[in-house]
Amino acid sequence: MRPPKPITLAALASTLLGLFFAYAFYIRYWRWRDCIAAAESSCTEPGAWNATTGGALWSVPALFFFAAAVVLCAVRVWSRRRSSKV
């Protein structure tokens, strides 16, 4: 069996990082969005921590890593098709 190409490993790592940041976005913002909107800035939650609108920033790296994974997968498919035509 051939070892995986670096681009495949990069796509996998990017997907895993995207999942991590998406989970952080969900935990820090999405779950509490109604409470944050009602309070107009922050919301004190059980466990004595403040949920704020700043939690929405976790979506930025999540989207970046998911986009990178899509691009890397597209490059992998494109390079496979190109090499099979030769």
N, C-alpha and C. Protein backbone atom coordinates (compact mmCIF):
# COMPACT_ATOMS: atom_id res chain seq x y z
N MET A 1 0.84 -1.18 0.00
CA MET A 1 0.00 0.00 0.00
C MET A 1 0.88 1.24 0.00
N ARG A 2 0.52 2.20 -0.84
CA ARG A 2 1.29 3.44 -0.94
C ARG A 2 0.99 4.35 0.24
N PRO A 3 2.01 5.09 0.70
CA PRO A 3 1.74 6.07 1.76
C PRO A 3 0.91 7.22 1.20
N PRO A 4 0.09 7.86 2.03
CA PRO A 4 -0.73 8.97 1.54
C PRO A 4 0.14 10.16 1.14
N LYS A 5 -0.31 10.87 0.12
CA LYS A 5 0.43 12.05 -0.34
C LYS A 5 0.29 13.18 0.66
N PRO A 6 1.28 14.08 0.69
CA PRO A 6 1.21 15.20 1.64
C PRO A 6 -0.05 16.04 1.48
N ILE A 7 -0.55 16.18 0.26
CA ILE A 7 -1.75 17.01 0.05
C ILE A 7 -2.97 16.34 0.69
N THR A 8 -2.99 15.01 0.70
CA THR A 8 -4.09 14.29 1.35
C THR A 8 -4.03 14.48 2.86
N LEU A 9 -2.83 14.42 3.41
CA LEU A 9 -2.67 14.63 4.85
C LEU A 9 -3.02 16.07 5.23
N ALA A 10 -2.65 17.02 4.38
CA ALA A 10 -2.98 18.43 4.65
C ALA A 10 -4.49 18.64 4.61
N ALA A 11 -5.17 18.00 3.67
CA ALA A 11 -6.63 18.12 3.59
C ALA A 11 -7.29 17.51 4.83
N LEU A 12 -6.77 16.39 5.29
CA LEU A 12 -7.31 15.75 6.49
C LEU A 12 -7.07 16.63 7.72
N ALA A 13 -5.86 17.17 7.85
CA ALA A 13 -5.55 18.05 8.99
C ALA A 13 -6.42 19.30 8.96
N SER A 14 -6.62 19.85 7.77
CA SER A 14 -7.45 21.04 7.63
C SER A 14 -8.90 20.75 8.01
N THR A 15 -9.39 19.60 7.62
CA THR A 15 -10.76 19.21 7.98
C THR A 15 -10.90 19.05 9.50
N LEU A 16 -9.92 18.41 10.11
CA LEU A 16 -9.98 18.22 11.57
C LEU A 16 -9.91 19.56 12.30
N LEU A 17 -9.06 20.48 11.85
CA LEU A 17 -9.00 21.80 12.46
C LEU A 17 -10.31 22.55 12.25
N GLY A 18 -10.89 22.42 11.06
CA GLY A 18 -12.19 23.04 10.81
C GLY A 18 -13.26 22.52 11.74
N LEU A 19 -13.26 21.22 11.99
CA LEU A 19 -14.22 20.63 12.92
C LEU A 19 -14.00 21.13 14.35
N PHE A 20 -12.74 21.26 14.76
CA PHE A 20 -12.44 21.77 16.09
C PHE A 20 -12.98 23.18 16.27
N PHE A 21 -12.70 24.07 15.30
CA PHE A 21 -13.15 25.45 15.42
C PHE A 21 -14.67 25.57 15.27
N ALA A 22 -15.27 24.71 14.46
CA ALA A 22 -16.74 24.71 14.35
C ALA A 22 -17.37 24.30 15.68
N TYR A 23 -16.78 23.33 16.35
CA TYR A 23 -17.28 22.93 17.66
C TYR A 23 -17.11 24.06 18.68
N ALA A 24 -15.97 24.74 18.63
CA ALA A 24 -15.75 25.87 19.54
C ALA A 24 -16.77 26.98 19.27
N PHE A 25 -17.08 27.23 18.00
CA PHE A 25 -18.09 28.22 17.63
C PHE A 25 -19.45 27.83 18.21
N TYR A 26 -19.79 26.56 18.09
CA TYR A 26 -21.07 26.09 18.60
C TYR A 26 -21.15 26.25 20.12
N ILE A 27 -20.10 25.83 20.80
CA ILE A 27 -20.09 25.87 22.27
C ILE A 27 -20.07 27.31 22.80
N ARG A 28 -19.27 28.18 22.18
CA ARG A 28 -19.07 29.52 22.71
C ARG A 28 -20.11 30.53 22.23
N TYR A 29 -20.79 30.26 21.10
CA TYR A 29 -21.72 31.26 20.60
C TYR A 29 -23.09 30.68 20.19
N TRP A 30 -23.10 29.75 19.27
CA TRP A 30 -24.35 29.32 18.63
C TRP A 30 -25.37 28.79 19.64
N ARG A 31 -24.91 28.04 20.63
CA ARG A 31 -25.82 27.48 21.61
C ARG A 31 -26.50 28.58 22.43
N TRP A 32 -25.85 29.71 22.63
CA TRP A 32 -26.35 30.79 23.49
C TRP A 32 -26.80 32.01 22.71
N ARG A 33 -26.95 31.93 21.40
CA ARG A 33 -27.23 33.11 20.58
C ARG A 33 -28.52 33.83 20.96
N ASP A 34 -29.56 33.10 21.36
CA ASP A 34 -30.81 33.74 21.76
C ASP A 34 -30.64 34.55 23.04
N CYS A 35 -29.95 33.99 24.00
CA CYS A 35 -29.70 34.68 25.26
C CYS A 35 -28.82 35.91 25.03
N ILE A 36 -27.81 35.79 24.18
CA ILE A 36 -26.93 36.92 23.88
C ILE A 36 -27.71 38.02 23.18
N ALA A 37 -28.58 37.66 22.24
CA ALA A 37 -29.38 38.66 21.53
C ALA A 37 -30.34 39.37 22.48
N ALA A 38 -30.92 38.64 23.41
CA ALA A 38 -31.85 39.25 24.36
C ALA A 38 -31.12 40.20 25.32
N ALA A 39 -29.90 39.86 25.69
CA ALA A 39 -29.13 40.70 26.61
C ALA A 39 -28.42 41.83 25.88
N GLU A 40 -28.35 41.76 24.55
CA GLU A 40 -27.73 42.76 23.67
C GLU A 40 -26.22 42.87 23.80
N SER A 41 -25.56 42.01 24.51
CA SER A 41 -24.10 42.01 24.51
C SER A 41 -23.54 40.72 25.08
N SER A 42 -23.92 40.39 26.30
CA SER A 42 -23.40 39.17 26.91
C SER A 42 -24.47 38.53 27.77
N CYS A 43 -24.23 37.29 28.10
CA CYS A 43 -25.21 36.52 28.85
C CYS A 43 -24.47 35.63 29.84
N THR A 44 -24.81 35.73 31.10
CA THR A 44 -24.19 34.89 32.12
C THR A 44 -24.89 33.53 32.11
N GLU A 45 -24.08 32.50 31.96
CA GLU A 45 -24.61 31.15 31.82
C GLU A 45 -24.27 30.31 33.05
N PRO A 46 -24.95 29.18 33.21
CA PRO A 46 -24.61 28.27 34.31
C PRO A 46 -23.13 27.90 34.23
N GLY A 47 -22.50 27.86 35.36
CA GLY A 47 -21.06 27.61 35.38
C GLY A 47 -20.30 28.91 35.52
N ALA A 48 -21.03 30.04 35.63
CA ALA A 48 -20.45 31.36 35.88
C ALA A 48 -19.49 31.84 34.80
N TRP A 49 -19.82 31.61 33.54
CA TRP A 49 -19.02 32.21 32.48
C TRP A 49 -19.93 33.05 31.62
N ASN A 50 -19.35 34.02 30.97
CA ASN A 50 -20.10 34.97 30.16
C ASN A 50 -20.04 34.56 28.69
N ALA A 51 -21.19 34.38 28.08
CA ALA A 51 -21.25 34.15 26.64
C ALA A 51 -21.41 35.52 25.99
N THR A 52 -20.53 35.84 25.05
CA THR A 52 -20.58 37.15 24.39
C THR A 52 -20.66 36.97 22.88
N THR A 53 -20.88 38.09 22.19
CA THR A 53 -20.91 38.05 20.73
C THR A 53 -19.54 37.75 20.15
N GLY A 54 -18.49 37.90 20.95
CA GLY A 54 -17.14 37.57 20.49
C GLY A 54 -16.98 36.10 20.16
N GLY A 55 -17.85 35.26 20.69
CA GLY A 55 -17.79 33.84 20.37
C GLY A 55 -18.05 33.55 18.90
N ALA A 56 -18.68 34.49 18.22
CA ALA A 56 -18.94 34.32 16.79
C ALA A 56 -17.65 34.32 15.98
N LEU A 57 -16.59 34.86 16.54
CA LEU A 57 -15.30 34.89 15.82
C LEU A 57 -14.72 33.50 15.61
N TRP A 58 -15.17 32.52 16.37
CA TRP A 58 -14.69 31.15 16.17
C TRP A 58 -15.11 30.62 14.80
N SER A 59 -16.10 31.23 14.18
CA SER A 59 -16.53 30.78 12.86
C SER A 59 -15.51 31.12 11.78
N VAL A 60 -14.71 32.15 11.99
CA VAL A 60 -13.74 32.57 10.97
C VAL A 60 -12.69 31.49 10.70
N PRO A 61 -11.96 31.00 11.72
CA PRO A 61 -11.01 29.93 11.41
C PRO A 61 -11.69 28.64 10.95
N ALA A 62 -12.90 28.38 11.44
CA ALA A 62 -13.61 27.18 10.98
C ALA A 62 -13.87 27.26 9.48
N LEU A 63 -14.38 28.39 9.02
CA LEU A 63 -14.63 28.55 7.59
C LEU A 63 -13.34 28.52 6.78
N PHE A 64 -12.29 29.13 7.32
CA PHE A 64 -11.00 29.13 6.62
C PHE A 64 -10.48 27.71 6.43
N PHE A 65 -10.48 26.92 7.49
CA PHE A 65 -9.95 25.56 7.39
C PHE A 65 -10.84 24.66 6.54
N PHE A 66 -12.16 24.83 6.60
CA PHE A 66 -13.04 24.05 5.72
C PHE A 66 -12.81 24.43 4.26
N ALA A 67 -12.64 25.72 3.97
CA ALA A 67 -12.36 26.15 2.60
C ALA A 67 -11.02 25.60 2.12
N ALA A 68 -10.02 25.61 2.98
CA ALA A 68 -8.72 25.06 2.62
C ALA A 68 -8.83 23.57 2.32
N ALA A 69 -9.62 22.85 3.10
CA ALA A 69 -9.81 21.42 2.86
C ALA A 69 -10.47 21.17 1.51
N VAL A 70 -11.46 21.98 1.17
CA VAL A 70 -12.13 21.83 -0.13
C VAL A 70 -11.15 22.10 -1.27
N VAL A 71 -10.36 23.14 -1.14
CA VAL A 71 -9.38 23.47 -2.18
C VAL A 71 -8.35 22.36 -2.31
N LEU A 72 -7.85 21.85 -1.20
CA LEU A 72 -6.86 20.78 -1.25
C LEU A 72 -7.43 19.51 -1.87
N CYS A 73 -8.68 19.19 -1.57
CA CYS A 73 -9.32 18.02 -2.19
C CYS A 73 -9.50 18.23 -3.68
N ALA A 74 -9.87 19.45 -4.07
CA ALA A 74 -10.03 19.75 -5.50
C ALA A 74 -8.70 19.64 -6.23
N VAL A 75 -7.64 20.11 -5.62
CA VAL A 75 -6.30 20.00 -6.24
C VAL A 75 -5.92 18.54 -6.37
N ARG A 76 -6.22 17.75 -5.36
CA ARG A 76 -5.90 16.32 -5.40
C ARG A 76 -6.66 15.63 -6.54
N VAL A 77 -7.94 15.92 -6.68
CA VAL A 77 -8.74 15.32 -7.75
C VAL A 77 -8.24 15.79 -9.11
N TRP A 78 -7.95 17.08 -9.22
CA TRP A 78 -7.47 17.63 -10.49
C TRP A 78 -6.14 17.00 -10.88
N SER A 79 -5.23 16.83 -9.94
CA SER A 79 -3.93 16.23 -10.25
C SER A 79 -4.07 14.76 -10.62
N ARG A 80 -5.00 14.06 -10.01
CA ARG A 80 -5.24 12.65 -10.37
C ARG A 80 -5.77 12.53 -11.79
N ARG A 81 -6.73 13.39 -12.13
CA ARG A 81 -7.30 13.35 -13.48
C ARG A 81 -6.25 13.71 -14.52
N ARG A 82 -5.43 14.68 -14.20
CA ARG A 82 -4.39 15.12 -15.13
C ARG A 82 -3.36 14.02 -15.34
N SER A 83 -2.96 13.32 -14.28
CA SER A 83 -1.96 12.27 -14.41
C SER A 83 -2.53 11.03 -15.11
N SER A 84 -3.83 10.79 -15.01
CA SER A 84 -4.41 9.62 -15.67
C SER A 84 -4.59 9.84 -17.17
N LYS A 85 -4.64 11.10 -17.61
CA LYS A 85 -4.80 11.38 -19.04
C LYS A 85 -3.48 11.27 -19.79
N VAL A 86 -2.37 11.33 -19.09
CA VAL A 86 -1.05 11.30 -19.74
C VAL A 86 -0.66 9.92 -20.11
